[in-house]
Amino acid sequence: MKAAKVIGRVMATKKVSSLEGIKLLLIQPVGWDKKPHGDPLVAADAVGAGAGEFVFWVASREAAVGIGGTGLKDTPPVDAAILGIIDGVNLKQSV
């Protein structure tokens, strides 16, 4: 599980059928301290996240499974998926 900030939305006039009705968002991966970490990427949204929200996301097979599908034919071909909206983080500071 990784953290990110939603920075935009991606519009696609044509998609594979397993992605119909799934919102695609542009996210900026960040550390748990909210500092940018790496390049922005497109993620399928499973939770209804919006612009500027702090979210957690997964990659690879976990992303495809998180978006849904019961078999190989209807599992969407995604590499990243937003699976939660983060309300807060409590980082314990070391002494």
C-alpha atoms as a PDB file:
ATOM      1  CA  MET A   1       0.000   0.000   0.000  1.00  0.00           C
ATOM      2  CA  LYS A   2       1.330   3.388  -1.004  1.00  0.00           C
ATOM      3  CA  ALA A   3       0.213   6.987  -0.450  1.00  0.00           C
ATOM      4  CA  ALA A   4      -0.611   9.584  -3.124  1.00  0.00           C
ATOM      5  CA  LYS A   5      -2.406  12.851  -3.725  1.00  0.00           C
ATOM      6  CA  VAL A   6      -5.024  13.119  -6.474  1.00  0.00           C
ATOM      7  CA  ILE A   7      -3.853  15.851  -8.854  1.00  0.00           C
ATOM      8  CA  GLY A   8      -6.168  15.437 -11.835  1.00  0.00           C
ATOM      9  CA  ARG A   9      -8.563  13.346 -13.861  1.00  0.00           C
ATOM     10  CA  VAL A  10      -7.956  11.436 -17.079  1.00  0.00           C
ATOM     11  CA  MET A  11     -10.657  11.404 -19.763  1.00  0.00           C
ATOM     12  CA  ALA A  12     -10.783   8.542 -22.263  1.00  0.00           C
ATOM     13  CA  THR A  13     -13.324   8.424 -25.078  1.00  0.00           C
ATOM     14  CA  LYS A  14     -12.644   4.731 -25.689  1.00  0.00           C
ATOM     15  CA  LYS A  15     -11.658   2.078 -23.175  1.00  0.00           C
ATOM     16  CA  VAL A  16     -11.682  -1.700 -22.990  1.00  0.00           C
ATOM     17  CA  SER A  17     -15.095  -2.911 -21.855  1.00  0.00           C
ATOM     18  CA  SER A  18     -13.883  -3.969 -18.403  1.00  0.00           C
ATOM     19  CA  LEU A  19     -12.965  -0.308 -17.678  1.00  0.00           C
ATOM     20  CA  GLU A  20     -16.351   1.158 -18.663  1.00  0.00           C
ATOM     21  CA  GLY A  21     -17.748   3.179 -15.766  1.00  0.00           C
ATOM     22  CA  ILE A  22     -14.430   3.278 -13.889  1.00  0.00           C
ATOM     23  CA  LYS A  23     -12.991   6.747 -13.192  1.00  0.00           C
ATOM     24  CA  LEU A  24      -9.306   7.242 -14.032  1.00  0.00           C
ATOM     25  CA  LEU A  25      -7.390   9.713 -11.865  1.00  0.00           C
ATOM     26  CA  LEU A  26      -3.936  11.240 -12.114  1.00  0.00           C
ATOM     27  CA  ILE A  27      -2.105  10.747  -8.827  1.00  0.00           C
ATOM     28  CA  GLN A  28       1.190  12.007  -7.462  1.00  0.00           C
ATOM     29  CA  PRO A  29       2.834   9.342  -5.288  1.00  0.00           C
ATOM     30  CA  VAL A  30       3.962  10.803  -1.960  1.00  0.00           C
ATOM     31  CA  GLY A  31       5.595   9.590   1.215  1.00  0.00           C
ATOM     32  CA  TRP A  32       3.475   9.299   4.349  1.00  0.00           C
ATOM     33  CA  ASP A  33       4.727  12.802   5.169  1.00  0.00           C
ATOM     34  CA  LYS A  34       2.970  13.981   1.930  1.00  0.00           C
ATOM     35  CA  LYS A  35       6.224  14.927   0.158  1.00  0.00           C
ATOM     36  CA  PRO A  36       6.234  13.988  -3.579  1.00  0.00           C
ATOM     37  CA  HIS A  37       7.976  10.734  -4.409  1.00  0.00           C
ATOM     38  CA  GLY A  38       8.410   9.830  -8.084  1.00  0.00           C
ATOM     39  CA  ASP A  39       6.425  10.697 -11.194  1.00  0.00           C
ATOM     40  CA  PRO A  40       2.641  11.103 -11.457  1.00  0.00           C
ATOM     41  CA  LEU A  41       0.674   8.135 -12.800  1.00  0.00           C
ATOM     42  CA  VAL A  42      -2.840   7.121 -13.799  1.00  0.00           C
ATOM     43  CA  ALA A  43      -4.847   4.987 -11.354  1.00  0.00           C
ATOM     44  CA  ALA A  44      -8.303   3.455 -11.573  1.00  0.00           C
ATOM     45  CA  ASP A  45     -10.529   4.729  -8.762  1.00  0.00           C
ATOM     46  CA  ALA A  46     -12.434   2.142  -6.711  1.00  0.00           C
ATOM     47  CA  VAL A  47     -13.625   4.471  -3.925  1.00  0.00           C
ATOM     48  CA  GLY A  48     -14.836   7.748  -5.455  1.00  0.00           C
ATOM     49  CA  ALA A  49     -11.800   9.872  -4.615  1.00  0.00           C
ATOM     50  CA  GLY A  50     -11.742  13.520  -5.654  1.00  0.00           C
ATOM     51  CA  ALA A  51      -9.288  16.257  -6.527  1.00  0.00           C
ATOM     52  CA  GLY A  52      -6.720  17.030  -3.848  1.00  0.00           C
ATOM     53  CA  GLU A  53      -7.543  14.016  -1.671  1.00  0.00           C
ATOM     54  CA  PHE A  54      -4.885  11.996   0.137  1.00  0.00           C
ATOM     55  CA  VAL A  55      -5.365   8.363  -0.915  1.00  0.00           C
ATOM     56  CA  PHE A  56      -3.753   4.956  -0.717  1.00  0.00           C
ATOM     57  CA  TRP A  57      -3.134   2.883  -3.812  1.00  0.00           C
ATOM     58  CA  VAL A  58      -1.765  -0.455  -4.881  1.00  0.00           C
ATOM     59  CA  ALA A  59       0.031  -1.591  -8.012  1.00  0.00           C
ATOM     60  CA  SER A  60       0.285  -4.625 -10.283  1.00  0.00           C
ATOM     61  CA  ARG A  61      -1.978  -7.622  -9.773  1.00  0.00           C
ATOM     62  CA  GLU A  62      -3.386  -6.190  -6.546  1.00  0.00           C
ATOM     63  CA  ALA A  63      -4.667  -3.201  -8.544  1.00  0.00           C
ATOM     64  CA  ALA A  64      -6.526  -5.365 -11.071  1.00  0.00           C
ATOM     65  CA  VAL A  65      -8.034  -7.493  -8.295  1.00  0.00           C
ATOM     66  CA  GLY A  66      -8.993  -4.374  -6.301  1.00  0.00           C
ATOM     67  CA  ILE A  67     -10.973  -2.937  -9.210  1.00  0.00           C
ATOM     68  CA  GLY A  68     -12.947  -6.123  -9.676  1.00  0.00           C
ATOM     69  CA  GLY A  69     -13.633  -8.939 -12.020  1.00  0.00           C
ATOM     70  CA  THR A  70     -14.272 -12.599 -11.442  1.00  0.00           C
ATOM     71  CA  GLY A  71     -12.082 -14.076 -14.142  1.00  0.00           C
ATOM     72  CA  LEU A  72      -9.484 -13.313 -16.762  1.00  0.00           C
ATOM     73  CA  LYS A  73     -12.062 -11.973 -19.254  1.00  0.00           C
ATOM     74  CA  ASP A  74     -13.623  -9.331 -17.000  1.00  0.00           C
ATOM     75  CA  THR A  75     -10.665  -8.329 -14.802  1.00  0.00           C
ATOM     76  CA  PRO A  76      -9.638  -4.832 -15.904  1.00  0.00           C
ATOM     77  CA  PRO A  77      -6.105  -4.301 -17.247  1.00  0.00           C
ATOM     78  CA  VAL A  78      -4.883  -1.749 -14.695  1.00  0.00           C
ATOM     79  CA  ASP A  79      -1.453  -1.242 -13.139  1.00  0.00           C
ATOM     80  CA  ALA A  80      -2.554   1.084 -10.324  1.00  0.00           C
ATOM     81  CA  ALA A  81      -5.767   1.407  -8.317  1.00  0.00           C
ATOM     82  CA  ILE A  82      -6.935   3.747  -5.570  1.00  0.00           C
ATOM     83  CA  LEU A  83      -8.429   1.594  -2.805  1.00  0.00           C
ATOM     84  CA  GLY A  84      -8.937   4.092   0.010  1.00  0.00           C
ATOM     85  CA  ILE A  85      -9.142   7.722   1.072  1.00  0.00           C
ATOM     86  CA  ILE A  86      -6.836   8.602   3.972  1.00  0.00           C
ATOM     87  CA  ASP A  87      -8.439  10.734   6.684  1.00  0.00           C
ATOM     88  CA  GLY A  88      -5.284  11.104   8.750  1.00  0.00           C
ATOM     89  CA  VAL A  89      -1.861   9.699   9.545  1.00  0.00           C
ATOM     90  CA  ASN A  90      -0.216   9.572  12.946  1.00  0.00           C
ATOM     91  CA  LEU A  91       3.552   9.334  12.472  1.00  0.00           C
ATOM     92  CA  LYS A  92       5.435   8.509  15.635  1.00  0.00           C
ATOM     93  CA  GLN A  93       8.596  10.575  15.819  1.00  0.00           C
ATOM     94  CA  SER A  94      11.747   8.774  16.979  1.00  0.00           C
ATOM     95  CA  VAL A  95      13.673  10.405  19.813  1.00  0.00           C
END
